[in-house]
Amino acid sequence: MTSKRYTTFTDELRHRFSCRVQRIALDAGLTCPNRDGSLGIGGCSFCGDRGAAAVGVQTELPLAEQLQRSKEYLRCKFRAERFLAYFQAYSNTYATVELLRGVYATALADPDLVGLIIGTRPDCLPEPVLDLLAELHEQTYLWLELGMQTMHDQTLVAINRGHDHACFVDAVQRCQARGLRICAHLILGLPGETREQMLDSVRELNRLGVDGVKLHHLHVLKGSRLVDDYQQGRLRLLEREEYVQLVCDAVELLDSRIVIHRLMGDGRTELVAPDWSRRKLEVLNLIDAELVKRDSRQGCRLSG
């Protein structure tokens, strides 16, 4: 186990599999209802041209080849022994059940895979898709990542999200009824939100009983709608120290049973700002140091 003052996804994987397990980011060639015209065009204001795709994913390759190439790289870099297929780019339940079944089966056919992580939107979970996910949950280790981003409807409108918070709550409840593990995404620093509003979203994750969380700082990516706002001075981003303090506040409020999958987004080649987010390890070390300085840990400010 690590010496972190919060429950990490790394610890969760080591406890479950007793070996080094790494995520392999994949692009299944899917899209999003907020891009294809069903809800809108252009996506959420924070979303760049590649959606949530990780850097280095060779999207032109078939899934099986994406897997093989990434496995070789991760074995060399991290000495990984087993892998999770991470369907990360865009909305990975936004297709027919037949197409999705084939996509997931292609990944699970790899003998080195121990499970799936599927990223999607709460408005892309019709009942037949949830039935498929429940079936997969019985067969393998499965996490469903759902973008909440914030609990505040006014902010969701401002970032062109295309759904309200009630949609997220409904999706969580329907997933929980099927026993699915849910990792919620939460963005800190969204336009117009106060510190207390952001922390209210953390409290909402406790109330909903999600199993995991990914915390992100708002950053501006090339091709996103935020670029003009930032360049014309209409958008203020969090400074590094602000983010460190805010994350520590969030960790202190977060139920200790919730697995923290991420404490900040990755600096990427598409990054416009803030520049400090390119130095991810440095920021994570500052977060750990601040928790030590406070002598605090996950859930220590959780009342009741």
C-alpha atoms as a PDB file:
ATOM      1  CA  MET A   1       0.000   0.000   0.000  1.00  0.00           C
ATOM      2  CA  THR A   2       1.103   3.578  -0.579  1.00  0.00           C
ATOM      3  CA  SER A   3       1.683   6.141   2.155  1.00  0.00           C
ATOM      4  CA  LYS A   4      -0.880   8.541   0.668  1.00  0.00           C
ATOM      5  CA  ARG A   5      -3.422  10.178   2.925  1.00  0.00           C
ATOM      6  CA  TYR A   6      -6.238   9.179   0.608  1.00  0.00           C
ATOM      7  CA  THR A   7      -7.497   6.010  -1.055  1.00  0.00           C
ATOM      8  CA  THR A   8      -5.807   5.697  -4.439  1.00  0.00           C
ATOM      9  CA  PHE A   9      -6.819   3.695  -7.484  1.00  0.00           C
ATOM     10  CA  THR A  10      -3.307   2.229  -7.488  1.00  0.00           C
ATOM     11  CA  ASP A  11      -3.959   0.793  -4.027  1.00  0.00           C
ATOM     12  CA  GLU A  12      -7.324  -0.548  -5.155  1.00  0.00           C
ATOM     13  CA  LEU A  13      -5.727  -2.378  -8.091  1.00  0.00           C
ATOM     14  CA  ARG A  14      -2.830  -3.785  -6.085  1.00  0.00           C
ATOM     15  CA  HIS A  15      -5.208  -5.037  -3.410  1.00  0.00           C
ATOM     16  CA  ARG A  16      -7.454  -6.716  -5.973  1.00  0.00           C
ATOM     17  CA  PHE A  17      -4.905  -8.151  -8.399  1.00  0.00           C
ATOM     18  CA  SER A  18      -1.649  -8.380  -6.374  1.00  0.00           C
ATOM     19  CA  CYS A  19       0.405  -7.140  -9.334  1.00  0.00           C
ATOM     20  CA  ARG A  20       1.103  -3.987 -11.338  1.00  0.00           C
ATOM     21  CA  VAL A  21      -1.977  -3.148 -13.422  1.00  0.00           C
ATOM     22  CA  GLN A  22      -1.946  -0.275 -15.922  1.00  0.00           C
ATOM     23  CA  ARG A  23      -4.737   1.409 -17.857  1.00  0.00           C
ATOM     24  CA  ILE A  24      -4.544   1.354 -21.647  1.00  0.00           C
ATOM     25  CA  ALA A  25      -6.323   4.347 -23.187  1.00  0.00           C
ATOM     26  CA  LEU A  26      -8.244   3.327 -26.292  1.00  0.00           C
ATOM     27  CA  ASP A  27     -10.239   5.076 -28.988  1.00  0.00           C
ATOM     28  CA  ALA A  28     -13.174   3.026 -30.252  1.00  0.00           C
ATOM     29  CA  GLY A  29     -14.050   5.560 -32.947  1.00  0.00           C
ATOM     30  CA  LEU A  30     -17.264   6.664 -31.231  1.00  0.00           C
ATOM     31  CA  THR A  31     -18.608  10.199 -30.905  1.00  0.00           C
ATOM     32  CA  CYS A  32     -20.844  12.222 -28.587  1.00  0.00           C
ATOM     33  CA  PRO A  33     -24.443  13.535 -28.779  1.00  0.00           C
ATOM     34  CA  ASN A  34     -23.093  16.986 -27.978  1.00  0.00           C
ATOM     35  CA  ARG A  35     -20.990  16.854 -31.144  1.00  0.00           C
ATOM     36  CA  ASP A  36     -22.979  14.979 -33.772  1.00  0.00           C
ATOM     37  CA  GLY A  37     -25.998  17.303 -33.685  1.00  0.00           C
ATOM     38  CA  SER A  38     -28.269  15.176 -31.500  1.00  0.00           C
ATOM     39  CA  LEU A  39     -27.824  17.681 -28.669  1.00  0.00           C
ATOM     40  CA  GLY A  40     -25.405  20.137 -30.174  1.00  0.00           C
ATOM     41  CA  ILE A  41     -22.275  20.647 -32.237  1.00  0.00           C
ATOM     42  CA  GLY A  42     -18.814  21.381 -30.898  1.00  0.00           C
ATOM     43  CA  GLY A  43     -19.118  19.661 -27.545  1.00  0.00           C
ATOM     44  CA  CYS A  44     -18.760  21.002 -24.013  1.00  0.00           C
ATOM     45  CA  SER A  45     -16.859  24.271 -23.741  1.00  0.00           C
ATOM     46  CA  PHE A  46     -13.849  22.600 -22.085  1.00  0.00           C
ATOM     47  CA  CYS A  47     -13.596  19.763 -24.613  1.00  0.00           C
ATOM     48  CA  GLY A  48     -10.863  19.920 -27.257  1.00  0.00           C
ATOM     49  CA  ASP A  49     -10.844  18.373 -30.711  1.00  0.00           C
ATOM     50  CA  ARG A  50      -9.865  14.955 -29.358  1.00  0.00           C
ATOM     51  CA  GLY A  51     -12.527  14.705 -26.682  1.00  0.00           C
ATOM     52  CA  ALA A  52     -11.016  13.122 -23.588  1.00  0.00           C
ATOM     53  CA  ALA A  53      -8.551  11.068 -25.606  1.00  0.00           C
ATOM     54  CA  ALA A  54      -5.132  10.495 -24.097  1.00  0.00           C
ATOM     55  CA  VAL A  55      -2.002  11.669 -25.857  1.00  0.00           C
ATOM     56  CA  GLY A  56      -0.314   8.962 -27.873  1.00  0.00           C
ATOM     57  CA  VAL A  57      -3.408   6.929 -28.728  1.00  0.00           C
ATOM     58  CA  GLN A  58      -3.067   5.943 -32.362  1.00  0.00           C
ATOM     59  CA  THR A  59      -6.696   6.347 -33.312  1.00  0.00           C
ATOM     60  CA  GLU A  60      -6.159   5.163 -36.863  1.00  0.00           C
ATOM     61  CA  LEU A  61      -5.248   1.654 -35.670  1.00  0.00           C
ATOM     62  CA  PRO A  62      -7.723  -1.152 -34.993  1.00  0.00           C
ATOM     63  CA  LEU A  63      -8.496  -1.702 -31.307  1.00  0.00           C
ATOM     64  CA  ALA A  64      -6.524  -4.927 -31.045  1.00  0.00           C
ATOM     65  CA  GLU A  65      -3.428  -3.213 -32.424  1.00  0.00           C
ATOM     66  CA  GLN A  66      -3.889  -0.192 -30.136  1.00  0.00           C
ATOM     67  CA  LEU A  67      -3.889  -2.662 -27.264  1.00  0.00           C
ATOM     68  CA  GLN A  68      -0.793  -4.550 -28.364  1.00  0.00           C
ATOM     69  CA  ARG A  69       1.313  -1.440 -28.933  1.00  0.00           C
ATOM     70  CA  SER A  70       0.299   0.101 -25.629  1.00  0.00           C
ATOM     71  CA  LYS A  71       1.005  -3.128 -23.751  1.00  0.00           C
ATOM     72  CA  GLU A  72       4.558  -3.212 -25.068  1.00  0.00           C
ATOM     73  CA  TYR A  73       5.156   0.396 -24.059  1.00  0.00           C
ATOM     74  CA  LEU A  74       3.655   0.023 -20.568  1.00  0.00           C
ATOM     75  CA  ARG A  75       5.554  -3.181 -19.868  1.00  0.00           C
ATOM     76  CA  CYS A  76       8.822  -1.419 -20.619  1.00  0.00           C
ATOM     77  CA  LYS A  77       8.018   1.818 -18.782  1.00  0.00           C
ATOM     78  CA  PHE A  78       6.155   0.543 -15.697  1.00  0.00           C
ATOM     79  CA  ARG A  79       6.853  -3.214 -15.680  1.00  0.00           C
ATOM     80  CA  ALA A  80       3.113  -3.718 -15.895  1.00  0.00           C
ATOM     81  CA  GLU A  81       1.886  -7.291 -15.723  1.00  0.00           C
ATOM     82  CA  ARG A  82      -1.834  -6.901 -16.377  1.00  0.00           C
ATOM     83  CA  PHE A  83      -3.968  -4.220 -18.008  1.00  0.00           C
ATOM     84  CA  LEU A  84      -7.346  -2.483 -18.018  1.00  0.00           C
ATOM     85  CA  ALA A  85      -8.823  -1.389 -21.331  1.00  0.00           C
ATOM     86  CA  TYR A  86      -9.806   2.244 -20.851  1.00  0.00           C
ATOM     87  CA  PHE A  87     -12.344   3.480 -23.389  1.00  0.00           C
ATOM     88  CA  GLN A  88     -11.610   7.153 -22.842  1.00  0.00           C
ATOM     89  CA  ALA A  89     -12.275   9.222 -25.971  1.00  0.00           C
ATOM     90  CA  TYR A  90     -15.746  10.765 -26.314  1.00  0.00           C
ATOM     91  CA  SER A  91     -18.857   8.856 -25.106  1.00  0.00           C
ATOM     92  CA  ASN A  92     -18.230   5.135 -25.049  1.00  0.00           C
ATOM     93  CA  THR A  93     -21.808   3.971 -24.564  1.00  0.00           C
ATOM     94  CA  TYR A  94     -23.136   6.128 -27.395  1.00  0.00           C
ATOM     95  CA  ALA A  95     -23.806   3.416 -29.991  1.00  0.00           C
ATOM     96  CA  THR A  96     -26.017   0.409 -30.555  1.00  0.00           C
ATOM     97  CA  VAL A  97     -25.774  -2.460 -28.102  1.00  0.00           C
ATOM     98  CA  GLU A  98     -24.535  -4.707 -30.916  1.00  0.00           C
ATOM     99  CA  LEU A  99     -21.683  -2.364 -31.805  1.00  0.00           C
ATOM    100  CA  LEU A 100     -20.726  -1.834 -28.163  1.00  0.00           C
ATOM    101  CA  ARG A 101     -20.767  -5.540 -27.432  1.00  0.00           C
ATOM    102  CA  GLY A 102     -18.298  -6.100 -30.255  1.00  0.00           C
ATOM    103  CA  VAL A 103     -16.024  -3.267 -29.110  1.00  0.00           C
ATOM    104  CA  TYR A 104     -15.854  -4.497 -25.514  1.00  0.00           C
ATOM    105  CA  ALA A 105     -15.454  -8.132 -26.600  1.00  0.00           C
ATOM    106  CA  THR A 106     -12.472  -7.217 -28.786  1.00  0.00           C
ATOM    107  CA  ALA A 107     -10.700  -5.783 -25.758  1.00  0.00           C
ATOM    108  CA  LEU A 108     -11.632  -8.596 -23.394  1.00  0.00           C
ATOM    109  CA  ALA A 109     -10.313 -11.169 -25.861  1.00  0.00           C
ATOM    110  CA  ASP A 110      -6.803 -10.074 -24.907  1.00  0.00           C
ATOM    111  CA  PRO A 111      -5.520 -12.567 -22.295  1.00  0.00           C
ATOM    112  CA  ASP A 112      -3.558  -9.878 -20.420  1.00  0.00           C
ATOM    113  CA  LEU A 113      -6.658  -7.788 -19.713  1.00  0.00           C
ATOM    114  CA  VAL A 114      -8.278  -7.973 -16.288  1.00  0.00           C
ATOM    115  CA  GLY A 115     -11.110  -5.536 -16.890  1.00  0.00           C
ATOM    116  CA  LEU A 116     -12.670  -2.497 -18.531  1.00  0.00           C
ATOM    117  CA  ILE A 117     -13.025   1.199 -17.758  1.00  0.00           C
ATOM    118  CA  ILE A 118     -15.732   2.872 -19.819  1.00  0.00           C
ATOM    119  CA  GLY A 119     -16.036   6.648 -19.947  1.00  0.00           C
ATOM    120  CA  THR A 120     -19.345   8.191 -20.959  1.00  0.00           C
ATOM    121  CA  ARG A 121     -22.019  10.828 -20.299  1.00  0.00           C
ATOM    122  CA  PRO A 122     -25.020  10.286 -18.005  1.00  0.00           C
ATOM    123  CA  ASP A 123     -27.394  10.918 -20.907  1.00  0.00           C
ATOM    124  CA  CYS A 124     -25.900   8.035 -22.933  1.00  0.00           C
ATOM    125  CA  LEU A 125     -27.149   5.162 -20.799  1.00  0.00           C
ATOM    126  CA  PRO A 126     -30.398   3.732 -22.188  1.00  0.00           C
ATOM    127  CA  GLU A 127     -31.692   0.609 -20.467  1.00  0.00           C
ATOM    128  CA  PRO A 128     -30.380  -1.903 -23.058  1.00  0.00           C
ATOM    129  CA  VAL A 129     -26.869  -0.454 -22.696  1.00  0.00           C
ATOM    130  CA  LEU A 130     -27.112  -0.668 -18.911  1.00  0.00           C
ATOM    131  CA  ASP A 131     -28.185  -4.300 -19.270  1.00  0.00           C
ATOM    132  CA  LEU A 132     -25.039  -4.941 -21.321  1.00  0.00           C
ATOM    133  CA  LEU A 133     -22.853  -3.207 -18.743  1.00  0.00           C
ATOM    134  CA  ALA A 134     -24.445  -5.247 -15.949  1.00  0.00           C
ATOM    135  CA  GLU A 135     -23.691  -8.400 -17.933  1.00  0.00           C
ATOM    136  CA  LEU A 136     -20.053  -7.344 -18.340  1.00  0.00           C
ATOM    137  CA  HIS A 137     -19.879  -6.466 -14.636  1.00  0.00           C
ATOM    138  CA  GLU A 138     -20.638 -10.098 -13.859  1.00  0.00           C
ATOM    139  CA  GLN A 139     -17.886 -11.266 -16.222  1.00  0.00           C
ATOM    140  CA  THR A 140     -14.997  -8.922 -15.479  1.00  0.00           C
ATOM    141  CA  TYR A 141     -13.700  -6.051 -13.339  1.00  0.00           C
ATOM    142  CA  LEU A 142     -15.606  -2.995 -14.595  1.00  0.00           C
ATOM    143  CA  TRP A 143     -15.652   0.729 -13.833  1.00  0.00           C
ATOM    144  CA  LEU A 144     -18.089   3.132 -15.464  1.00  0.00           C
ATOM    145  CA  GLU A 145     -16.828   6.723 -15.558  1.00  0.00           C
ATOM    146  CA  LEU A 146     -19.578   9.344 -15.621  1.00  0.00           C
ATOM    147  CA  GLY A 147     -19.055  13.049 -16.175  1.00  0.00           C
ATOM    148  CA  MET A 148     -20.839  15.067 -13.529  1.00  0.00           C
ATOM    149  CA  GLN A 149     -18.387  18.037 -13.755  1.00  0.00           C
ATOM    150  CA  THR A 150     -20.543  20.076 -11.330  1.00  0.00           C
ATOM    151  CA  MET A 151     -23.861  19.764  -9.516  1.00  0.00           C
ATOM    152  CA  HIS A 152     -24.883  23.324 -10.415  1.00  0.00           C
ATOM    153  CA  ASP A 153     -27.297  23.599 -13.349  1.00  0.00           C
ATOM    154  CA  GLN A 154     -26.366  27.211 -14.090  1.00  0.00           C
ATOM    155  CA  THR A 155     -22.755  26.135 -14.649  1.00  0.00           C
ATOM    156  CA  LEU A 156     -23.812  23.155 -16.756  1.00  0.00           C
ATOM    157  CA  VAL A 157     -25.655  25.547 -19.060  1.00  0.00           C
ATOM    158  CA  ALA A 158     -22.670  27.897 -19.173  1.00  0.00           C
ATOM    159  CA  ILE A 159     -20.299  25.125 -20.270  1.00  0.00           C
ATOM    160  CA  ASN A 160     -22.767  23.807 -22.868  1.00  0.00           C
ATOM    161  CA  ARG A 161     -22.986  20.449 -21.168  1.00  0.00           C
ATOM    162  CA  GLY A 162     -26.335  19.496 -22.698  1.00  0.00           C
ATOM    163  CA  HIS A 163     -27.891  17.905 -19.594  1.00  0.00           C
ATOM    164  CA  ASP A 164     -28.805  18.976 -16.079  1.00  0.00           C
ATOM    165  CA  HIS A 165     -27.718  17.554 -12.739  1.00  0.00           C
ATOM    166  CA  ALA A 166     -30.949  15.590 -12.369  1.00  0.00           C
ATOM    167  CA  CYS A 167     -29.844  13.583 -15.412  1.00  0.00           C
ATOM    168  CA  PHE A 168     -26.613  12.641 -13.630  1.00  0.00           C
ATOM    169  CA  VAL A 169     -28.463  11.673 -10.430  1.00  0.00           C
ATOM    170  CA  ASP A 170     -30.850   9.477 -12.414  1.00  0.00           C
ATOM    171  CA  ALA A 171     -27.961   7.773 -14.235  1.00  0.00           C
ATOM    172  CA  VAL A 172     -26.136   7.067 -10.978  1.00  0.00           C
ATOM    173  CA  GLN A 173     -29.221   5.557  -9.401  1.00  0.00           C
ATOM    174  CA  ARG A 174     -29.955   3.345 -12.396  1.00  0.00           C
ATOM    175  CA  CYS A 175     -26.329   2.162 -12.452  1.00  0.00           C
ATOM    176  CA  GLN A 176     -26.357   1.471  -8.724  1.00  0.00           C
ATOM    177  CA  ALA A 177     -29.506  -0.607  -9.119  1.00  0.00           C
ATOM    178  CA  ARG A 178     -27.415  -2.907 -11.323  1.00  0.00           C
ATOM    179  CA  GLY A 179     -24.453  -2.974  -8.961  1.00  0.00           C
ATOM    180  CA  LEU A 180     -22.090  -1.072 -11.253  1.00  0.00           C
ATOM    181  CA  ARG A 181     -18.987   0.691  -9.939  1.00  0.00           C
ATOM    182  CA  ILE A 182     -19.239   4.407 -10.708  1.00  0.00           C
ATOM    183  CA  CYS A 183     -16.363   6.862 -10.946  1.00  0.00           C
ATOM    184  CA  ALA A 184     -17.605  10.456 -11.223  1.00  0.00           C
ATOM    185  CA  HIS A 185     -15.658  13.238 -12.941  1.00  0.00           C
ATOM    186  CA  LEU A 186     -15.616  16.629 -11.222  1.00  0.00           C
ATOM    187  CA  ILE A 187     -13.994  19.802 -12.591  1.00  0.00           C
ATOM    188  CA  LEU A 188     -12.733  22.397 -10.128  1.00  0.00           C
ATOM    189  CA  GLY A 189     -12.502  25.991 -11.309  1.00  0.00           C
ATOM    190  CA  LEU A 190     -15.426  26.109 -13.707  1.00  0.00           C
ATOM    191  CA  PRO A 191     -16.453  29.654 -14.757  1.00  0.00           C
ATOM    192  CA  GLY A 192     -18.370  31.584 -12.115  1.00  0.00           C
ATOM    193  CA  GLU A 193     -18.238  28.963  -9.385  1.00  0.00           C
ATOM    194  CA  THR A 194     -17.162  29.868  -5.857  1.00  0.00           C
ATOM    195  CA  ARG A 195     -15.044  27.676  -3.619  1.00  0.00           C
ATOM    196  CA  GLU A 196     -18.133  26.644  -1.635  1.00  0.00           C
ATOM    197  CA  GLN A 197     -20.040  25.729  -4.780  1.00  0.00           C
ATOM    198  CA  MET A 198     -17.181  23.477  -5.849  1.00  0.00           C
ATOM    199  CA  LEU A 199     -17.062  21.833  -2.428  1.00  0.00           C
ATOM    200  CA  ASP A 200     -20.834  21.391  -2.528  1.00  0.00           C
ATOM    201  CA  SER A 201     -20.275  19.209  -5.602  1.00  0.00           C
ATOM    202  CA  VAL A 202     -17.860  17.099  -3.549  1.00  0.00           C
ATOM    203  CA  ARG A 203     -20.495  16.730  -0.835  1.00  0.00           C
ATOM    204  CA  GLU A 204     -22.980  15.690  -3.508  1.00  0.00           C
ATOM    205  CA  LEU A 205     -20.717  12.800  -4.516  1.00  0.00           C
ATOM    206  CA  ASN A 206     -20.819  11.593  -0.920  1.00  0.00           C
ATOM    207  CA  ARG A 207     -24.605  11.878  -0.875  1.00  0.00           C
ATOM    208  CA  LEU A 208     -24.969   9.914  -4.097  1.00  0.00           C
ATOM    209  CA  GLY A 209     -22.662   7.159  -2.883  1.00  0.00           C
ATOM    210  CA  VAL A 210     -20.395   6.936  -5.905  1.00  0.00           C
ATOM    211  CA  ASP A 211     -17.486   4.500  -5.702  1.00  0.00           C
ATOM    212  CA  GLY A 212     -14.732   6.621  -7.222  1.00  0.00           C
ATOM    213  CA  VAL A 213     -13.890  10.150  -8.313  1.00  0.00           C
ATOM    214  CA  LYS A 214     -11.608  11.904 -10.754  1.00  0.00           C
ATOM    215  CA  LEU A 215     -10.831  15.498  -9.846  1.00  0.00           C
ATOM    216  CA  HIS A 216      -9.756  17.775 -12.695  1.00  0.00           C
ATOM    217  CA  HIS A 217      -8.637  21.380 -12.831  1.00  0.00           C
ATOM    218  CA  LEU A 218     -10.228  23.467 -15.557  1.00  0.00           C
ATOM    219  CA  HIS A 219      -7.707  23.836 -18.331  1.00  0.00           C
ATOM    220  CA  VAL A 220      -7.959  25.316 -21.795  1.00  0.00           C
ATOM    221  CA  LEU A 221      -7.291  23.035 -24.745  1.00  0.00           C
ATOM    222  CA  LYS A 222      -6.715  23.895 -28.373  1.00  0.00           C
ATOM    223  CA  GLY A 223      -9.944  23.632 -30.328  1.00  0.00           C
ATOM    224  CA  SER A 224     -12.158  24.167 -27.281  1.00  0.00           C
ATOM    225  CA  ARG A 225     -14.711  26.943 -26.877  1.00  0.00           C
ATOM    226  CA  LEU A 226     -12.775  28.250 -23.894  1.00  0.00           C
ATOM    227  CA  VAL A 227      -9.832  29.421 -25.990  1.00  0.00           C
ATOM    228  CA  ASP A 228     -11.432  32.724 -27.034  1.00  0.00           C
ATOM    229  CA  ASP A 229     -12.699  33.428 -23.524  1.00  0.00           C
ATOM    230  CA  TYR A 230      -9.239  32.864 -22.095  1.00  0.00           C
ATOM    231  CA  GLN A 231      -7.351  34.836 -24.727  1.00  0.00           C
ATOM    232  CA  GLN A 232      -9.744  37.784 -24.421  1.00  0.00           C
ATOM    233  CA  GLY A 233      -9.519  37.852 -20.627  1.00  0.00           C
ATOM    234  CA  ARG A 234     -13.051  36.644 -19.896  1.00  0.00           C
ATOM    235  CA  LEU A 235     -11.914  33.458 -18.181  1.00  0.00           C
ATOM    236  CA  ARG A 236      -9.826  33.267 -15.030  1.00  0.00           C
ATOM    237  CA  LEU A 237      -8.126  29.960 -14.306  1.00  0.00           C
ATOM    238  CA  LEU A 238      -7.051  28.739 -10.902  1.00  0.00           C
ATOM    239  CA  GLU A 239      -3.459  29.399  -9.890  1.00  0.00           C
ATOM    240  CA  ARG A 240      -1.401  26.409  -8.847  1.00  0.00           C
ATOM    241  CA  GLU A 241      -1.519  27.162  -5.126  1.00  0.00           C
ATOM    242  CA  GLU A 242      -5.273  27.799  -5.299  1.00  0.00           C
ATOM    243  CA  TYR A 243      -5.759  24.393  -6.857  1.00  0.00           C
ATOM    244  CA  VAL A 244      -3.552  22.639  -4.310  1.00  0.00           C
ATOM    245  CA  GLN A 245      -5.533  24.165  -1.428  1.00  0.00           C
ATOM    246  CA  LEU A 246      -8.866  23.408  -3.098  1.00  0.00           C
ATOM    247  CA  VAL A 247      -7.984  19.771  -3.774  1.00  0.00           C
ATOM    248  CA  CYS A 248      -6.901  19.284  -0.178  1.00  0.00           C
ATOM    249  CA  ASP A 249     -10.198  20.800   0.997  1.00  0.00           C
ATOM    250  CA  ALA A 250     -12.038  18.399  -1.312  1.00  0.00           C
ATOM    251  CA  VAL A 251     -10.076  15.359  -0.108  1.00  0.00           C
ATOM    252  CA  GLU A 252     -10.840  16.242   3.512  1.00  0.00           C
ATOM    253  CA  LEU A 253     -14.570  16.318   2.709  1.00  0.00           C
ATOM    254  CA  LEU A 254     -14.647  13.193   0.554  1.00  0.00           C
ATOM    255  CA  ASP A 255     -15.910   9.962   2.094  1.00  0.00           C
ATOM    256  CA  SER A 256     -12.890   7.724   2.751  1.00  0.00           C
ATOM    257  CA  ARG A 257     -14.512   4.743   1.037  1.00  0.00           C
ATOM    258  CA  ILE A 258     -14.486   6.593  -2.318  1.00  0.00           C
ATOM    259  CA  VAL A 259     -11.486   5.635  -4.433  1.00  0.00           C
ATOM    260  CA  ILE A 260      -9.605   8.628  -5.835  1.00  0.00           C
ATOM    261  CA  HIS A 261      -8.666   7.784  -9.411  1.00  0.00           C
ATOM    262  CA  ARG A 262      -7.107  11.165 -10.182  1.00  0.00           C
ATOM    263  CA  LEU A 263      -6.369  14.475  -8.459  1.00  0.00           C
ATOM    264  CA  MET A 264      -5.691  16.571 -11.552  1.00  0.00           C
ATOM    265  CA  GLY A 265      -5.838  16.364 -15.316  1.00  0.00           C
ATOM    266  CA  ASP A 266      -2.800  15.711 -17.480  1.00  0.00           C
ATOM    267  CA  GLY A 267      -0.795  18.413 -19.203  1.00  0.00           C
ATOM    268  CA  ARG A 268      -1.152  17.658 -22.911  1.00  0.00           C
ATOM    269  CA  THR A 269       0.251  18.773 -26.205  1.00  0.00           C
ATOM    270  CA  GLU A 270      -3.092  20.500 -26.843  1.00  0.00           C
ATOM    271  CA  LEU A 271      -2.756  22.589 -23.674  1.00  0.00           C
ATOM    272  CA  VAL A 272      -3.168  26.357 -23.945  1.00  0.00           C
ATOM    273  CA  ALA A 273      -3.309  27.152 -20.207  1.00  0.00           C
ATOM    274  CA  PRO A 274      -2.533  27.018 -17.330  1.00  0.00           C
ATOM    275  CA  ASP A 275       1.121  26.312 -17.898  1.00  0.00           C
ATOM    276  CA  TRP A 276       1.599  24.929 -14.371  1.00  0.00           C
ATOM    277  CA  SER A 277      -0.510  21.903 -15.240  1.00  0.00           C
ATOM    278  CA  ARG A 278       2.288  20.630 -17.506  1.00  0.00           C
ATOM    279  CA  ARG A 279       4.201  19.741 -14.322  1.00  0.00           C
ATOM    280  CA  LYS A 280       1.752  17.203 -12.958  1.00  0.00           C
ATOM    281  CA  LEU A 281       4.096  15.318 -10.641  1.00  0.00           C
ATOM    282  CA  GLU A 282       5.201  18.583  -9.067  1.00  0.00           C
ATOM    283  CA  VAL A 283       1.587  19.538  -8.318  1.00  0.00           C
ATOM    284  CA  LEU A 284       0.728  16.100  -6.944  1.00  0.00           C
ATOM    285  CA  ASN A 285       3.733  16.308  -4.634  1.00  0.00           C
ATOM    286  CA  LEU A 286       2.527  19.710  -3.418  1.00  0.00           C
ATOM    287  CA  ILE A 287      -0.914  18.235  -2.683  1.00  0.00           C
ATOM    288  CA  ASP A 288       0.624  15.407  -0.667  1.00  0.00           C
ATOM    289  CA  ALA A 289       2.857  17.852   1.196  1.00  0.00           C
ATOM    290  CA  GLU A 290      -0.079  20.119   2.038  1.00  0.00           C
ATOM    291  CA  LEU A 291      -2.053  17.201   3.491  1.00  0.00           C
ATOM    292  CA  VAL A 292       0.949  16.321   5.644  1.00  0.00           C
ATOM    293  CA  LYS A 293       1.309  19.971   6.706  1.00  0.00           C
ATOM    294  CA  ARG A 294      -2.363  20.039   7.711  1.00  0.00           C
ATOM    295  CA  ASP A 295      -2.055  16.616   9.340  1.00  0.00           C
ATOM    296  CA  SER A 296      -5.250  15.721   7.512  1.00  0.00           C
ATOM    297  CA  ARG A 297      -6.499  12.911   5.332  1.00  0.00           C
ATOM    298  CA  GLN A 298      -9.435  11.846   3.205  1.00  0.00           C
ATOM    299  CA  GLY A 299     -12.754  12.234   4.995  1.00  0.00           C
ATOM    300  CA  CYS A 300     -11.391  13.933   8.110  1.00  0.00           C
ATOM    301  CA  ARG A 301     -13.896  16.800   7.771  1.00  0.00           C
ATOM    302  CA  LEU A 302     -16.827  14.604   6.916  1.00  0.00           C
ATOM    303  CA  SER A 303     -19.512  15.231   9.512  1.00  0.00           C
ATOM    304  CA  GLY A 304     -21.457  12.399  11.026  1.00  0.00           C
END
